[in-house]
Amino acid sequence: MGESEYLTERAGRCVCKLCGGKLEKKVIVYNKYGGSGLELYCPNCQKIEYGTEPEIYNLASEFVETVEFDYFPDMDDEDRHQKLNVAKVCDILGWIYRRTGVLDEKGLHKDQLAEFE
């Protein structure tokens, strides 16, 4: 599978770690001298975003709300603060799922995830 096909598949499967919105493929120009590349992009956050599985985003969002998780205690901006906390928990859950074999480059293995519920 080529890079473009992989990004298309990932954009269809994953969501933004900050807002939970849909991702799209976009050619990003890195500098005025011609450096550019195909990236996943969140139009809502207006940033390059690799994304996360929607199940991970939902769990992270619920965790941050329920446990009042706060990785950034000195941050004032409430909305951005909440989004960054959810993104941090997405990173943590993604790492755990990859280490336990529940997540790989093709996505979540939902049959294995059910074992943990």
C-alpha atoms as a PDB file:
ATOM      1  CA  MET A   1       0.000   0.000   0.000  1.00  0.00           C
ATOM      2  CA  GLY A   2       1.412   3.377  -1.021  1.00  0.00           C
ATOM      3  CA  GLU A   3       1.523   6.452   1.161  1.00  0.00           C
ATOM      4  CA  SER A   4      -1.484   8.084  -0.517  1.00  0.00           C
ATOM      5  CA  GLU A   5      -3.629   4.957  -0.119  1.00  0.00           C
ATOM      6  CA  TYR A   6      -2.532   4.585   3.503  1.00  0.00           C
ATOM      7  CA  LEU A   7      -3.440   8.218   4.270  1.00  0.00           C
ATOM      8  CA  THR A   8      -6.807   7.827   2.503  1.00  0.00           C
ATOM      9  CA  GLU A   9      -7.581   4.731   4.580  1.00  0.00           C
ATOM     10  CA  ARG A  10      -6.408   6.423   7.795  1.00  0.00           C
ATOM     11  CA  ALA A  11      -8.403   9.614   7.070  1.00  0.00           C
ATOM     12  CA  GLY A  12     -11.535   7.509   6.630  1.00  0.00           C
ATOM     13  CA  ARG A  13     -10.946   5.617   9.861  1.00  0.00           C
ATOM     14  CA  CYS A  14      -9.411   8.131  12.297  1.00  0.00           C
ATOM     15  CA  VAL A  15     -10.424  11.406  13.925  1.00  0.00           C
ATOM     16  CA  CYS A  16      -8.514  14.440  15.212  1.00  0.00           C
ATOM     17  CA  LYS A  17      -7.076  13.902  18.715  1.00  0.00           C
ATOM     18  CA  LEU A  18      -7.954  17.464  19.718  1.00  0.00           C
ATOM     19  CA  CYS A  19     -11.549  17.869  18.534  1.00  0.00           C
ATOM     20  CA  GLY A  20     -12.709  14.436  17.363  1.00  0.00           C
ATOM     21  CA  GLY A  21     -13.437  15.827  13.894  1.00  0.00           C
ATOM     22  CA  LYS A  22     -12.928  14.191  10.504  1.00  0.00           C
ATOM     23  CA  LEU A  23      -9.483  14.316   8.933  1.00  0.00           C
ATOM     24  CA  GLU A  24      -8.705  14.971   5.294  1.00  0.00           C
ATOM     25  CA  LYS A  25      -5.682  14.549   3.075  1.00  0.00           C
ATOM     26  CA  LYS A  26      -4.076  17.814   2.105  1.00  0.00           C
ATOM     27  CA  VAL A  27      -0.915  18.865   0.293  1.00  0.00           C
ATOM     28  CA  ILE A  28       0.984  21.035   2.746  1.00  0.00           C
ATOM     29  CA  VAL A  29       3.583  23.519   1.481  1.00  0.00           C
ATOM     30  CA  TYR A  30       6.355  23.583   4.078  1.00  0.00           C
ATOM     31  CA  ASN A  31       8.305  26.493   2.624  1.00  0.00           C
ATOM     32  CA  LYS A  32       8.310  28.892  -0.311  1.00  0.00           C
ATOM     33  CA  TYR A  33      11.150  27.038  -2.028  1.00  0.00           C
ATOM     34  CA  GLY A  34       9.018  24.061  -2.986  1.00  0.00           C
ATOM     35  CA  GLY A  35       9.008  21.786   0.035  1.00  0.00           C
ATOM     36  CA  SER A  36       5.601  20.105   0.213  1.00  0.00           C
ATOM     37  CA  GLY A  37       4.034  16.817   1.155  1.00  0.00           C
ATOM     38  CA  LEU A  38       0.765  14.984   1.588  1.00  0.00           C
ATOM     39  CA  GLU A  39      -0.439  15.083   5.196  1.00  0.00           C
ATOM     40  CA  LEU A  40      -3.548  14.401   7.237  1.00  0.00           C
ATOM     41  CA  TYR A  41      -5.168  17.678   8.238  1.00  0.00           C
ATOM     42  CA  CYS A  42      -7.980  18.696  10.580  1.00  0.00           C
ATOM     43  CA  PRO A  43      -9.961  21.524   8.968  1.00  0.00           C
ATOM     44  CA  ASN A  44     -11.678  22.316  12.286  1.00  0.00           C
ATOM     45  CA  CYS A  45      -8.411  22.799  14.229  1.00  0.00           C
ATOM     46  CA  GLN A  46      -6.568  23.988  11.115  1.00  0.00           C
ATOM     47  CA  LYS A  47      -3.526  21.861  11.828  1.00  0.00           C
ATOM     48  CA  ILE A  48      -1.672  18.820  10.594  1.00  0.00           C
ATOM     49  CA  GLU A  49      -2.915  15.878  12.650  1.00  0.00           C
ATOM     50  CA  TYR A  50      -2.088  12.174  12.388  1.00  0.00           C
ATOM     51  CA  GLY A  51      -5.275  11.320  14.279  1.00  0.00           C
ATOM     52  CA  THR A  52      -6.483   8.508  16.481  1.00  0.00           C
ATOM     53  CA  GLU A  53      -9.112   5.800  16.334  1.00  0.00           C
ATOM     54  CA  PRO A  54     -12.598   7.146  17.222  1.00  0.00           C
ATOM     55  CA  GLU A  55     -12.957   4.546  19.999  1.00  0.00           C
ATOM     56  CA  ILE A  56      -9.740   5.823  21.589  1.00  0.00           C
ATOM     57  CA  TYR A  57     -10.902   9.440  21.283  1.00  0.00           C
ATOM     58  CA  ASN A  58     -14.244   8.598  22.928  1.00  0.00           C
ATOM     59  CA  LEU A  59     -12.563   6.728  25.791  1.00  0.00           C
ATOM     60  CA  ALA A  60     -10.046   9.540  26.304  1.00  0.00           C
ATOM     61  CA  SER A  61     -12.757  12.187  26.324  1.00  0.00           C
ATOM     62  CA  GLU A  62     -14.809  10.218  28.835  1.00  0.00           C
ATOM     63  CA  PHE A  63     -11.735   9.590  30.997  1.00  0.00           C
ATOM     64  CA  VAL A  64     -10.752  13.284  31.105  1.00  0.00           C
ATOM     65  CA  GLU A  65     -14.290  14.278  32.053  1.00  0.00           C
ATOM     66  CA  THR A  66     -14.952  11.502  34.591  1.00  0.00           C
ATOM     67  CA  VAL A  67     -11.587  11.533  36.376  1.00  0.00           C
ATOM     68  CA  GLU A  68     -10.994  15.275  35.862  1.00  0.00           C
ATOM     69  CA  PHE A  69      -7.594  14.380  34.405  1.00  0.00           C
ATOM     70  CA  ASP A  70      -5.353  17.441  34.083  1.00  0.00           C
ATOM     71  CA  TYR A  71      -1.929  17.041  32.509  1.00  0.00           C
ATOM     72  CA  PHE A  72      -1.596  20.815  32.004  1.00  0.00           C
ATOM     73  CA  PRO A  73      -2.491  22.374  35.391  1.00  0.00           C
ATOM     74  CA  ASP A  74      -0.921  25.774  34.606  1.00  0.00           C
ATOM     75  CA  MET A  75      -2.891  26.372  31.397  1.00  0.00           C
ATOM     76  CA  ASP A  76      -5.638  29.013  31.472  1.00  0.00           C
ATOM     77  CA  ASP A  77      -7.505  28.576  28.155  1.00  0.00           C
ATOM     78  CA  GLU A  78     -10.338  26.196  29.158  1.00  0.00           C
ATOM     79  CA  ASP A  79     -11.315  24.946  25.685  1.00  0.00           C
ATOM     80  CA  ARG A  80      -7.743  24.331  24.494  1.00  0.00           C
ATOM     81  CA  HIS A  81      -6.869  22.929  27.924  1.00  0.00           C
ATOM     82  CA  GLN A  82      -9.623  20.311  27.644  1.00  0.00           C
ATOM     83  CA  LYS A  83      -8.629  19.400  24.069  1.00  0.00           C
ATOM     84  CA  LEU A  84      -4.951  18.989  24.969  1.00  0.00           C
ATOM     85  CA  ASN A  85      -5.830  16.768  27.930  1.00  0.00           C
ATOM     86  CA  VAL A  86      -7.955  14.524  25.682  1.00  0.00           C
ATOM     87  CA  ALA A  87      -5.133  14.394  23.108  1.00  0.00           C
ATOM     88  CA  LYS A  88      -2.634  13.404  25.823  1.00  0.00           C
ATOM     89  CA  VAL A  89      -4.874  10.551  27.009  1.00  0.00           C
ATOM     90  CA  CYS A  90      -5.310   9.484  23.349  1.00  0.00           C
ATOM     91  CA  ASP A  91      -1.511   9.211  23.122  1.00  0.00           C
ATOM     92  CA  ILE A  92      -1.388   7.159  26.322  1.00  0.00           C
ATOM     93  CA  LEU A  93      -4.193   4.810  25.267  1.00  0.00           C
ATOM     94  CA  GLY A  94      -2.698   4.446  21.788  1.00  0.00           C
ATOM     95  CA  TRP A  95       0.650   3.470  23.300  1.00  0.00           C
ATOM     96  CA  ILE A  96      -0.988   0.897  25.590  1.00  0.00           C
ATOM     97  CA  TYR A  97      -3.062  -0.586  22.773  1.00  0.00           C
ATOM     98  CA  ARG A  98      -0.026  -0.852  20.476  1.00  0.00           C
ATOM     99  CA  ARG A  99       2.025  -2.529  23.215  1.00  0.00           C
ATOM    100  CA  THR A 100      -0.735  -5.054  23.935  1.00  0.00           C
ATOM    101  CA  GLY A 101      -1.283  -5.806  20.234  1.00  0.00           C
ATOM    102  CA  VAL A 102      -4.810  -4.393  20.117  1.00  0.00           C
ATOM    103  CA  LEU A 103      -3.790  -1.565  17.727  1.00  0.00           C
ATOM    104  CA  ASP A 104      -1.594  -1.627  14.636  1.00  0.00           C
ATOM    105  CA  GLU A 105      -1.252   0.302  11.349  1.00  0.00           C
ATOM    106  CA  LYS A 106      -4.586  -1.148  10.168  1.00  0.00           C
ATOM    107  CA  GLY A 107      -6.489   0.106  13.212  1.00  0.00           C
ATOM    108  CA  LEU A 108      -8.044  -1.382  16.323  1.00  0.00           C
ATOM    109  CA  HIS A 109      -8.632  -5.102  16.517  1.00  0.00           C
ATOM    110  CA  LYS A 110     -12.090  -4.807  18.044  1.00  0.00           C
ATOM    111  CA  ASP A 111     -12.290  -8.533  18.800  1.00  0.00           C
ATOM    112  CA  GLN A 112      -9.229  -8.192  21.046  1.00  0.00           C
ATOM    113  CA  LEU A 113     -10.493  -4.921  22.518  1.00  0.00           C
ATOM    114  CA  ALA A 114     -13.656  -6.693  23.695  1.00  0.00           C
ATOM    115  CA  GLU A 115     -11.460  -8.882  25.918  1.00  0.00           C
ATOM    116  CA  PHE A 116     -10.484  -5.792  27.937  1.00  0.00           C
ATOM    117  CA  GLU A 117     -14.026  -4.503  28.477  1.00  0.00           C
END
